Protein backbone atom coordinates (compact mmCIF):
# COMPACT_ATOMS: atom_id res chain seq x y z
CA MET A 1 -92.89 -54.03 69.63
CA LYS A 2 -95.93 -54.81 67.55
CA ILE A 3 -94.92 -52.35 64.80
CA VAL A 4 -91.31 -53.58 64.72
CA ASN A 5 -92.32 -57.23 64.49
CA ARG A 6 -94.84 -56.63 61.72
CA ARG A 7 -92.44 -54.48 59.70
CA PHE A 8 -89.76 -57.12 60.06
CA LEU A 9 -92.17 -59.81 58.91
CA PHE A 10 -93.28 -57.72 55.93
CA PHE A 11 -89.71 -57.21 54.70
CA LEU A 12 -88.91 -60.87 55.32
CA ILE A 13 -91.87 -61.96 53.18
CA LEU A 14 -90.91 -59.48 50.45
CA SER A 15 -87.29 -60.73 50.43
CA VAL A 16 -88.37 -64.36 50.12
CA ILE A 17 -90.70 -63.55 47.19
CA ILE A 18 -87.89 -61.66 45.39
CA LEU A 19 -85.44 -64.52 45.92
CA LEU A 20 -87.96 -67.05 44.63
CA GLY A 21 -88.59 -64.86 41.60
CA GLU A 22 -84.86 -64.73 40.87
CA SER A 23 -84.64 -68.52 41.21
CA CYS A 24 -87.20 -68.87 38.41
CA LYS A 25 -84.76 -67.49 35.86
CA ASN A 26 -83.41 -69.89 33.27
CA ARG A 27 -79.88 -70.75 34.39
CA SER A 28 -79.22 -73.05 31.44
CA ILE A 29 -78.77 -70.22 28.93
CA MET A 30 -75.12 -69.90 27.86
CA LEU A 31 -73.28 -67.38 25.71
CA ARG A 32 -75.61 -64.51 26.53
CA THR A 33 -75.25 -61.28 24.58
CA PRO A 34 -76.46 -57.79 25.60
CA ARG A 35 -79.71 -56.52 24.08
CA ASP A 36 -77.82 -53.99 21.97
CA PHE A 37 -75.13 -56.47 20.89
CA LYS A 38 -74.14 -56.02 17.24
CA PHE A 39 -73.81 -59.39 15.54
CA ASP A 40 -71.41 -59.83 12.63
CA ASP A 41 -72.81 -59.29 9.16
CA PHE A 42 -73.80 -62.66 7.74
CA SER A 43 -73.53 -61.33 4.18
CA GLN A 44 -69.78 -60.95 4.69
CA ILE A 45 -69.36 -64.73 4.79
CA THR A 46 -68.25 -65.75 1.33
CA SER A 47 -68.15 -69.14 -0.33
CA GLU A 48 -64.42 -68.57 -0.78
CA GLU A 49 -63.84 -68.60 2.97
CA GLN A 50 -61.64 -71.60 3.63
CA TYR A 51 -60.70 -73.66 6.63
CA LYS A 52 -57.24 -73.03 8.01
CA ILE A 53 -55.24 -75.95 9.34
CA GLY A 54 -54.82 -75.66 13.10
CA LEU A 55 -53.04 -77.25 16.02
CA ASN A 56 -53.89 -80.90 16.75
CA ASP A 57 -55.55 -81.36 13.35
CA ASN A 58 -55.10 -84.85 11.89
CA VAL A 59 -53.98 -84.28 8.32
CA GLU A 60 -54.21 -87.06 5.74
CA ILE A 61 -51.67 -86.60 2.96
CA SER A 62 -51.98 -88.62 -0.26
CA LEU A 63 -49.05 -88.50 -2.67
CA SER A 64 -48.71 -89.87 -6.19
CA THR A 65 -46.19 -89.09 -8.87
CA ASN A 66 -46.57 -88.45 -12.63
CA LYS A 67 -49.31 -85.84 -12.06
CA GLY A 68 -51.45 -88.22 -10.09
CA ALA A 69 -51.26 -91.20 -12.44
CA GLY A 70 -51.12 -93.47 -9.42
CA GLU A 71 -54.56 -92.26 -8.35
CA LEU A 72 -56.06 -93.50 -11.62
CA GLU A 73 -54.06 -96.63 -12.39
CA ASN A 74 -53.55 -99.71 -10.25
CA VAL A 75 -50.01 -100.22 -11.58
CA SER A 76 -46.54 -100.01 -10.14
CA ASN A 77 -44.73 -98.67 -13.23
CA GLY A 78 -45.50 -96.10 -15.91
CA ASP A 79 -43.92 -94.75 -19.04
CA ASN A 80 -41.98 -92.17 -17.06
CA GLY A 81 -40.68 -94.51 -14.40
CA ILE A 82 -41.90 -95.81 -11.09
CA ILE A 83 -45.26 -94.51 -9.92
CA VAL A 84 -45.25 -93.74 -6.21
CA ARG A 85 -48.41 -93.94 -4.16
CA GLN A 86 -48.32 -93.00 -0.52
CA LYS A 87 -50.89 -92.05 2.07
CA ILE A 88 -50.07 -91.03 5.61
CA THR A 89 -51.91 -89.29 8.46
CA VAL A 90 -49.98 -86.88 10.66
CA THR A 91 -50.91 -84.56 13.52
CA VAL A 92 -50.12 -80.86 13.64
CA ASP A 93 -47.83 -80.36 16.62
CA TYR A 94 -47.76 -77.52 19.14
CA ASP A 95 -45.42 -75.51 16.88
CA GLY A 96 -47.71 -75.81 13.84
CA THR A 97 -45.55 -78.34 12.01
CA VAL A 98 -46.07 -81.92 10.86
CA LYS A 99 -43.38 -84.57 10.54
CA ILE A 100 -43.26 -86.03 7.04
CA PRO A 101 -41.14 -89.00 5.92
CA ILE A 102 -38.17 -87.87 3.81
CA LEU A 103 -39.12 -84.19 4.02
CA GLY A 104 -38.89 -83.79 7.78
CA ARG A 105 -40.90 -81.07 9.49
CA ILE A 106 -43.18 -78.83 7.42
CA LEU A 107 -45.13 -75.84 8.74
CA LEU A 108 -48.82 -76.24 7.85
CA LYS A 109 -50.59 -74.25 10.57
CA ASP A 110 -52.82 -71.43 9.26
CA LEU A 111 -52.61 -72.68 5.68
CA SER A 112 -55.74 -73.49 3.69
CA ILE A 113 -56.03 -76.98 2.23
CA ARG A 114 -55.11 -75.68 -1.21
CA GLU A 115 -52.10 -73.77 0.09
CA ALA A 116 -50.90 -76.86 1.96
CA GLU A 117 -51.23 -79.03 -1.16
CA LEU A 118 -49.24 -76.57 -3.27
CA LEU A 119 -46.54 -76.35 -0.59
CA MET A 120 -46.22 -80.12 -0.34
CA GLU A 121 -46.03 -80.49 -4.12
CA GLU A 122 -43.19 -77.95 -4.21
CA LYS A 123 -41.32 -79.87 -1.52
CA TYR A 124 -41.81 -83.24 -3.25
CA LYS A 125 -40.61 -81.86 -6.60
CA LEU A 126 -37.08 -82.14 -5.28
CA ILE A 127 -37.54 -85.90 -4.93
CA PHE A 128 -40.28 -87.14 -7.29
CA ILE A 129 -41.41 -86.46 -10.84
CA ASP A 130 -44.55 -84.32 -11.11
CA PRO A 131 -45.86 -84.97 -7.58
CA PHE A 132 -49.62 -84.81 -6.99
CA VAL A 133 -50.77 -84.17 -3.42
CA VAL A 134 -54.27 -84.38 -1.92
CA ILE A 135 -54.77 -83.24 1.65
CA LYS A 136 -57.73 -83.77 3.98
CA VAL A 137 -58.24 -82.80 7.60
CA VAL A 138 -59.89 -85.96 8.92
CA ASN A 139 -60.82 -84.76 12.41
CA LYS A 140 -62.66 -81.56 11.51
CA ARG A 141 -65.46 -81.10 14.01
CA VAL A 142 -68.05 -78.65 15.25
CA LEU A 143 -69.67 -78.21 18.65
CA ILE A 144 -73.47 -78.23 18.72
CA PHE A 145 -75.70 -77.10 21.59
CA PRO A 146 -79.23 -77.88 20.30
CA GLY A 147 -81.07 -76.09 23.12
CA LEU A 148 -81.72 -78.91 25.57
CA GLY A 149 -79.57 -79.56 28.61
CA GLY A 150 -77.38 -82.65 28.36
CA SER A 151 -77.73 -82.98 24.57
CA ALA A 152 -74.64 -81.07 23.43
CA ARG A 153 -72.34 -83.03 21.16
CA VAL A 154 -69.18 -82.92 19.07
CA LEU A 155 -69.94 -83.64 15.43
CA ASN A 156 -67.17 -84.88 13.15
CA LEU A 157 -67.40 -83.41 9.66
CA THR A 158 -66.91 -86.49 7.51
CA ASN A 159 -68.42 -84.56 4.62
CA GLN A 160 -66.12 -81.67 3.75
CA ASN A 161 -69.10 -79.54 2.68
CA THR A 162 -71.44 -80.14 5.61
CA SER A 163 -73.97 -77.32 5.89
CA LEU A 164 -75.45 -75.78 9.00
CA ILE A 165 -78.86 -77.37 8.41
CA GLU A 166 -77.22 -80.80 7.90
CA ALA A 167 -75.31 -80.49 11.16
CA ILE A 168 -78.48 -79.57 13.06
CA ALA A 169 -80.27 -82.56 11.54
CA LEU A 170 -77.39 -84.88 12.44
CA SER A 171 -77.50 -83.66 16.03
CA GLY A 172 -81.19 -84.56 16.34
CA GLY A 173 -82.82 -81.26 15.41
CA ILE A 174 -83.67 -78.10 17.32
CA SER A 175 -84.82 -78.32 20.94
CA GLY A 176 -84.60 -74.60 21.69
CA LYS A 177 -85.49 -71.36 19.93
CA ALA A 178 -85.21 -71.73 16.15
CA LYS A 179 -85.13 -67.95 15.77
CA LYS A 180 -82.10 -67.56 18.02
CA ILE A 181 -79.24 -69.65 16.64
CA LYS A 182 -75.73 -68.33 17.15
CA LEU A 183 -72.86 -69.39 14.92
CA ILE A 184 -69.52 -68.69 16.59
CA ARG A 185 -66.49 -68.88 14.34
CA GLY A 186 -62.79 -68.16 14.53
CA ASP A 187 -60.41 -67.44 17.40
CA LEU A 188 -62.39 -67.71 20.65
CA LYS A 189 -60.46 -64.73 22.02
CA ASN A 190 -62.02 -62.58 19.31
CA PRO A 191 -64.67 -64.66 17.51
CA LYS A 192 -67.17 -63.68 14.88
CA ILE A 193 -70.73 -64.23 16.09
CA TYR A 194 -73.62 -64.53 13.65
CA LEU A 195 -77.32 -64.66 14.52
CA ILE A 196 -79.47 -66.98 12.39
CA ASP A 197 -83.27 -67.23 12.38
CA LEU A 198 -84.57 -70.61 11.20
CA SER A 199 -88.14 -69.98 12.33
CA THR A 200 -88.96 -68.83 8.79
CA VAL A 201 -88.32 -70.25 5.32
CA GLU A 202 -86.28 -67.13 4.57
CA GLY A 203 -83.74 -68.31 7.13
CA LEU A 204 -82.90 -71.38 5.03
CA LYS A 205 -80.68 -69.19 2.87
CA LYS A 206 -78.34 -68.85 5.83
CA ALA A 207 -78.75 -72.48 6.88
CA ASP A 208 -77.08 -73.57 3.64
CA LEU A 209 -73.80 -72.16 4.93
CA THR A 210 -70.87 -74.60 4.77
CA LEU A 211 -69.42 -75.17 8.21
CA LEU A 212 -65.75 -74.86 9.03
CA GLY A 213 -63.86 -76.93 11.55
CA ASN A 214 -64.21 -75.73 15.17
CA ASP A 215 -67.42 -73.78 14.48
CA ILE A 216 -69.79 -73.57 17.45
CA ILE A 217 -73.55 -73.79 16.89
CA TYR A 218 -75.54 -72.60 19.88
CA ILE A 219 -79.35 -72.76 19.88
CA GLN A 220 -80.78 -70.74 22.75
CA PRO A 221 -82.92 -72.86 25.10
CA ILE A 222 -86.60 -72.09 25.51
CA ASP A 223 -87.07 -69.83 28.50
CA ASP A 224 -88.45 -71.94 31.34
CA LYS A 225 -89.48 -69.14 33.70
CA ILE A 226 -93.13 -70.18 33.54
CA THR A 227 -92.26 -73.83 34.14
CA ASN A 228 -90.00 -72.96 37.04
CA PHE A 229 -92.55 -70.60 38.52
CA SER A 230 -95.36 -73.13 38.40
CA GLY A 231 -93.05 -75.66 40.03
CA ARG A 232 -92.35 -73.28 42.90
CA ILE A 233 -95.78 -71.70 43.32
CA ASN A 234 -96.80 -74.29 45.91
CA SER A 235 -93.71 -73.48 47.96
CA VAL A 236 -94.48 -69.76 47.78
CA VAL A 237 -98.10 -70.30 48.85
CA GLY A 238 -96.96 -72.51 51.72
CA LEU A 239 -94.46 -69.93 52.95
CA LEU A 240 -96.98 -67.12 52.69
CA GLY A 241 -99.45 -69.18 54.70
CA THR A 242 -96.84 -69.79 57.38
CA PHE A 243 -95.89 -66.12 57.57
CA PHE A 244 -99.53 -65.09 57.73
CA LEU A 245 -100.11 -67.47 60.62
CA VAL A 246 -97.12 -66.07 62.50
CA TYR A 247 -98.29 -62.54 61.69
CA THR A 248 -101.74 -63.13 63.21
CA ILE A 249 -100.43 -64.62 66.45
CA LEU A 250 -97.84 -61.93 67.10
CA PRO A 251 -98.41 -60.06 70.37
CA LYS A 252 -100.70 -57.07 69.85
CA ASN A 253 -99.28 -55.09 72.70
């Protein structure tokens, strides 16, 4: 009886210590990758990479005739006839189209800004003289997780050329590991994932990257195992003391 009770107590103490050790792990870390995970090659990102218009984007379309004369002159008539100036904001519907006055529905999904402008100018040529179209996506945004619980935010890209370092500054800076910043881009079913190290000046070359709409910036939180352990050490000591007391008063026969 004595041997059984003491063995049972030993394994019970061991199980509690293991469980407490597991509880010290940092549960706030998201988007974990295996140790041998192969990140995408950052050098493959080119300055020519362009944002593609997507579903639910708010697209601002500015139209003027006579090759954009209306954008430069505050007049209603020109030498070649009436100058039209129009600005509307439309939303890309579930089928990838937008509804435009006069033109009806136009498919813009998956087009770059330049491609969309050229398409709209071709459509307007049937109605206006030398149409000039400027398109902006006014609700482009990125998700930023700066490395501290409860501080994640959605950042609207009011500047079309917002860089990674600018976005981090706008979000309040880095609260986690500067050497472990993940940039997640593209279709979330098969995204490209880049690892960026901003703990050195050399990393600034990557931080100058221009963000695209729907990019995700994830800064890995600082591992809080030590903090968690020190917070639980008193509980462990208390439990061990209790088990030791029970162990000493167990029947010896």
